[in-house]
Protein backbone atom coordinates (compact mmCIF):
# COMPACT_ATOMS: atom_id res chain seq x y z
CA MET A 1 -18.72 45.86 8.80
CA LYS A 2 -20.89 46.02 5.70
CA ASN A 3 -24.67 46.32 5.79
CA LEU A 4 -25.73 43.62 3.35
CA GLY A 5 -29.28 43.00 4.55
CA SER A 6 -31.32 39.83 4.36
CA LYS A 7 -29.95 38.36 1.18
CA GLU A 8 -31.00 34.82 0.32
CA LEU A 9 -28.84 32.07 1.85
CA LYS A 10 -28.88 28.34 1.14
CA THR A 11 -27.68 25.25 2.97
CA ALA A 12 -27.91 21.57 2.12
CA ARG A 13 -31.54 21.42 3.31
CA LEU A 14 -32.69 24.99 3.75
CA VAL A 15 -33.41 28.25 2.00
CA LEU A 16 -33.17 31.38 4.14
CA ARG A 17 -34.84 34.35 2.52
CA PRO A 18 -36.62 37.62 3.34
CA PHE A 19 -40.25 37.28 4.41
CA ARG A 20 -43.07 38.04 1.98
CA GLU A 21 -46.64 39.03 2.77
CA GLY A 22 -47.75 35.75 1.20
CA ASP A 23 -46.03 33.86 4.04
CA ALA A 24 -48.73 34.81 6.57
CA VAL A 25 -50.82 31.62 6.56
CA ALA A 26 -47.79 29.30 6.77
CA MET A 27 -46.19 31.37 9.53
CA PHE A 28 -49.44 31.53 11.47
CA GLU A 29 -50.17 27.81 11.17
CA ASN A 30 -46.61 26.53 11.65
CA TRP A 31 -45.41 28.57 14.62
CA ALA A 32 -46.84 32.04 15.26
CA SER A 33 -50.09 30.65 16.72
CA ASP A 34 -48.46 27.84 18.71
CA PRO A 35 -48.26 28.51 22.46
CA GLU A 36 -45.48 25.92 22.86
CA VAL A 37 -43.28 27.66 20.27
CA THR A 38 -43.94 31.14 21.65
CA LYS A 39 -43.79 30.18 25.34
CA TYR A 40 -40.29 31.63 25.88
CA LEU A 41 -40.48 34.43 23.31
CA THR A 42 -41.14 38.11 23.92
CA TRP A 43 -44.51 37.96 22.14
CA THR A 44 -47.70 35.96 22.58
CA PRO A 45 -49.23 33.59 20.02
CA HIS A 46 -51.01 35.28 17.15
CA LYS A 47 -54.78 34.98 17.28
CA SER A 48 -55.35 35.08 13.51
CA ALA A 49 -53.58 34.87 10.18
CA GLU A 50 -54.60 38.50 9.70
CA GLU A 51 -52.46 39.48 12.71
CA THR A 52 -49.55 37.60 11.13
CA ARG A 53 -50.22 39.21 7.74
CA ALA A 54 -50.07 42.71 9.27
CA LEU A 55 -46.72 41.91 10.89
CA LEU A 56 -45.32 40.45 7.67
CA SER A 57 -46.33 43.56 5.78
CA LEU A 58 -44.03 45.53 8.09
CA TRP A 59 -41.25 42.93 7.89
CA ALA A 60 -41.41 42.77 4.08
CA GLU A 61 -40.94 46.55 3.91
CA GLU A 62 -38.16 46.53 6.53
CA SER A 63 -36.29 43.73 4.76
CA LYS A 64 -35.55 46.07 1.86
CA LYS A 65 -33.19 48.04 4.13
CA PRO A 66 -29.51 47.01 4.10
CA ASP A 67 -29.21 47.21 7.90
CA VAL A 68 -32.11 44.80 8.58
CA TYR A 69 -31.37 41.09 8.89
CA HIS A 70 -34.40 38.80 9.06
CA TRP A 71 -34.76 35.46 7.33
CA ALA A 72 -37.66 33.10 6.79
CA ILE A 73 -36.57 29.45 6.98
CA GLU A 74 -37.82 27.12 4.26
CA TYR A 75 -37.45 23.36 4.76
CA GLU A 76 -38.78 20.94 2.15
CA ASN A 77 -40.45 23.91 0.41
CA GLU A 78 -42.38 24.86 3.54
CA LEU A 79 -41.95 27.92 5.73
CA VAL A 80 -41.02 26.61 9.21
CA GLY A 81 -39.32 29.39 11.18
CA ASP A 82 -37.17 32.48 11.27
CA VAL A 83 -33.79 33.86 12.31
CA ASN A 84 -33.26 37.57 12.86
CA ILE A 85 -31.06 40.24 14.27
CA MET A 86 -33.08 42.06 16.89
CA GLN A 87 -30.45 44.69 17.59
CA VAL A 88 -27.39 45.94 15.70
CA ASN A 89 -24.68 48.15 17.16
CA GLU A 90 -22.70 49.46 14.20
CA GLU A 91 -20.08 51.16 16.38
CA SER A 92 -19.10 47.88 18.06
CA GLU A 93 -19.95 45.78 14.96
CA SER A 94 -22.12 43.54 17.12
CA ALA A 95 -25.59 42.09 17.01
CA ILE A 96 -28.16 40.34 19.18
CA THR A 97 -29.97 37.52 17.41
CA GLY A 98 -33.13 35.52 17.90
CA TYR A 99 -34.92 32.62 16.27
CA CYS A 100 -37.96 30.37 16.43
CA LEU A 101 -39.00 27.15 14.72
CA ALA A 102 -42.19 25.18 14.10
CA LYS A 103 -42.64 22.44 16.70
CA LYS A 104 -42.86 19.73 14.02
CA CYS A 105 -39.25 20.56 13.08
CA TRP A 106 -37.78 20.40 16.58
CA GLY A 107 -34.97 17.88 17.07
CA LYS A 108 -34.01 17.65 13.38
CA GLY A 109 -31.00 19.99 13.44
CA ILE A 110 -32.85 22.54 11.30
CA MET A 111 -32.29 25.53 13.57
CA THR A 112 -28.64 24.63 14.12
CA GLU A 113 -28.19 24.50 10.34
CA ALA A 114 -30.07 27.77 9.77
CA TYR A 115 -28.39 29.66 12.60
CA GLY A 116 -24.97 28.35 11.61
CA GLU A 117 -25.48 29.67 8.08
CA VAL A 118 -26.59 33.06 9.40
CA LEU A 119 -23.45 33.22 11.57
CA ARG A 120 -21.31 32.33 8.54
CA PHE A 121 -22.91 35.15 6.56
CA LEU A 122 -22.62 37.68 9.40
CA PHE A 123 -18.94 36.95 10.05
CA GLU A 124 -17.61 36.03 6.59
CA GLU A 125 -19.63 38.38 4.40
CA ALA A 126 -20.99 41.22 6.54
CA GLY A 127 -17.92 41.42 8.79
CA PHE A 128 -19.54 41.51 12.22
CA HIS A 129 -17.22 41.32 15.25
CA ARG A 130 -19.57 39.80 17.85
CA ILE A 131 -22.90 37.95 17.76
CA GLY A 132 -24.89 37.35 20.92
CA SER A 133 -28.09 35.57 21.81
CA SER A 134 -29.97 34.52 24.91
CA HIS A 135 -32.53 32.01 26.11
CA ALA A 136 -34.68 31.35 29.14
CA VAL A 137 -33.08 28.85 31.51
CA GLU A 138 -36.24 26.76 31.11
CA ASN A 139 -35.59 26.49 27.35
CA PRO A 140 -32.31 24.50 27.21
CA ALA A 141 -32.96 23.30 23.62
CA SER A 142 -32.41 26.86 22.42
CA GLY A 143 -29.14 26.94 24.35
CA LYS A 144 -28.04 23.69 22.66
CA VAL A 145 -28.44 25.35 19.26
CA MET A 146 -26.23 28.21 20.41
CA GLU A 147 -23.63 25.85 21.86
CA LYS A 148 -23.50 23.76 18.67
CA CYS A 149 -22.95 26.96 16.70
CA GLY A 150 -20.05 28.03 18.91
CA LEU A 151 -21.62 30.63 21.19
CA LEU A 152 -19.94 30.64 24.59
CA TYR A 153 -21.68 31.04 27.93
CA GLU A 154 -21.26 34.54 29.35
CA GLY A 155 -23.65 34.57 32.28
CA THR A 156 -27.13 34.13 33.62
CA PHE A 157 -29.20 37.19 34.47
CA ARG A 158 -31.64 36.46 37.26
CA LYS A 159 -35.31 37.14 36.58
CA GLU A 160 -34.36 39.31 33.61
CA ILE A 161 -37.56 39.10 31.59
CA ARG A 162 -41.23 38.54 32.20
CA LEU A 163 -42.72 36.07 29.76
CA PRO A 164 -45.79 37.53 28.05
CA SER A 165 -47.22 34.01 27.78
CA THR A 166 -47.32 33.37 31.54
CA GLY A 167 -46.39 36.62 33.30
CA GLU A 168 -43.61 34.66 35.01
CA TRP A 169 -40.18 36.23 35.59
CA VAL A 170 -37.42 33.97 34.22
CA ASP A 171 -33.66 33.75 34.40
CA VAL A 172 -31.94 34.30 31.06
CA VAL A 173 -28.69 32.73 29.84
CA HIS A 174 -26.51 34.97 27.65
CA ARG A 175 -24.10 33.55 25.08
CA ALA A 176 -21.92 35.06 22.36
CA ILE A 177 -19.37 34.29 19.71
CA LEU A 178 -16.61 36.60 18.51
CA LYS A 179 -15.23 36.75 15.00
CA GLU A 180 -11.94 35.26 16.21
CA ASP A 181 -13.81 32.36 17.89
CA TYR A 182 -15.71 31.69 14.69
CA PHE A 183 -12.64 31.65 12.47
CA ALA A 184 -10.63 29.58 15.00
CA GLU A 185 -13.23 26.83 14.60
CA LYS A 186 -12.89 26.80 10.80
């Protein structure tokens, strides 16, 4: 495995790039302040663009490190979401990923395209062995993205997390794809 960091990636419709502090207003307006987008995430909606700006200041600094993987998603020259690795285990060459997308972009295949490109990069260029992700049972659209990108169902953990947005305990579906699965599909 090679630590290559958040280098810029491109697809037919998207640019995936490291975040910049100047992305705060777009991120705040397009998804970070939206309670529908953040409903199943581990953080609550941002209350101001200043809150988003402070977070992006940290992310911009972190993205300079070769072992940090976090991409802003640009679609039609607008910042609409992000894909990131939340946890890396270098010993097992594995990672846990997450993503979120502006509601106005739901149902257009944007996250499937972005996540698929990130998987390509992580397996083909960085040399990861295993990539995992999870979603609340109540958020099946997120699971569809994972399925379309080849992640296989591994189990459902009962009442695994408490949603900050509602305080409700939810069941979480875990999925993963191995390097050999990824290359078998090619």
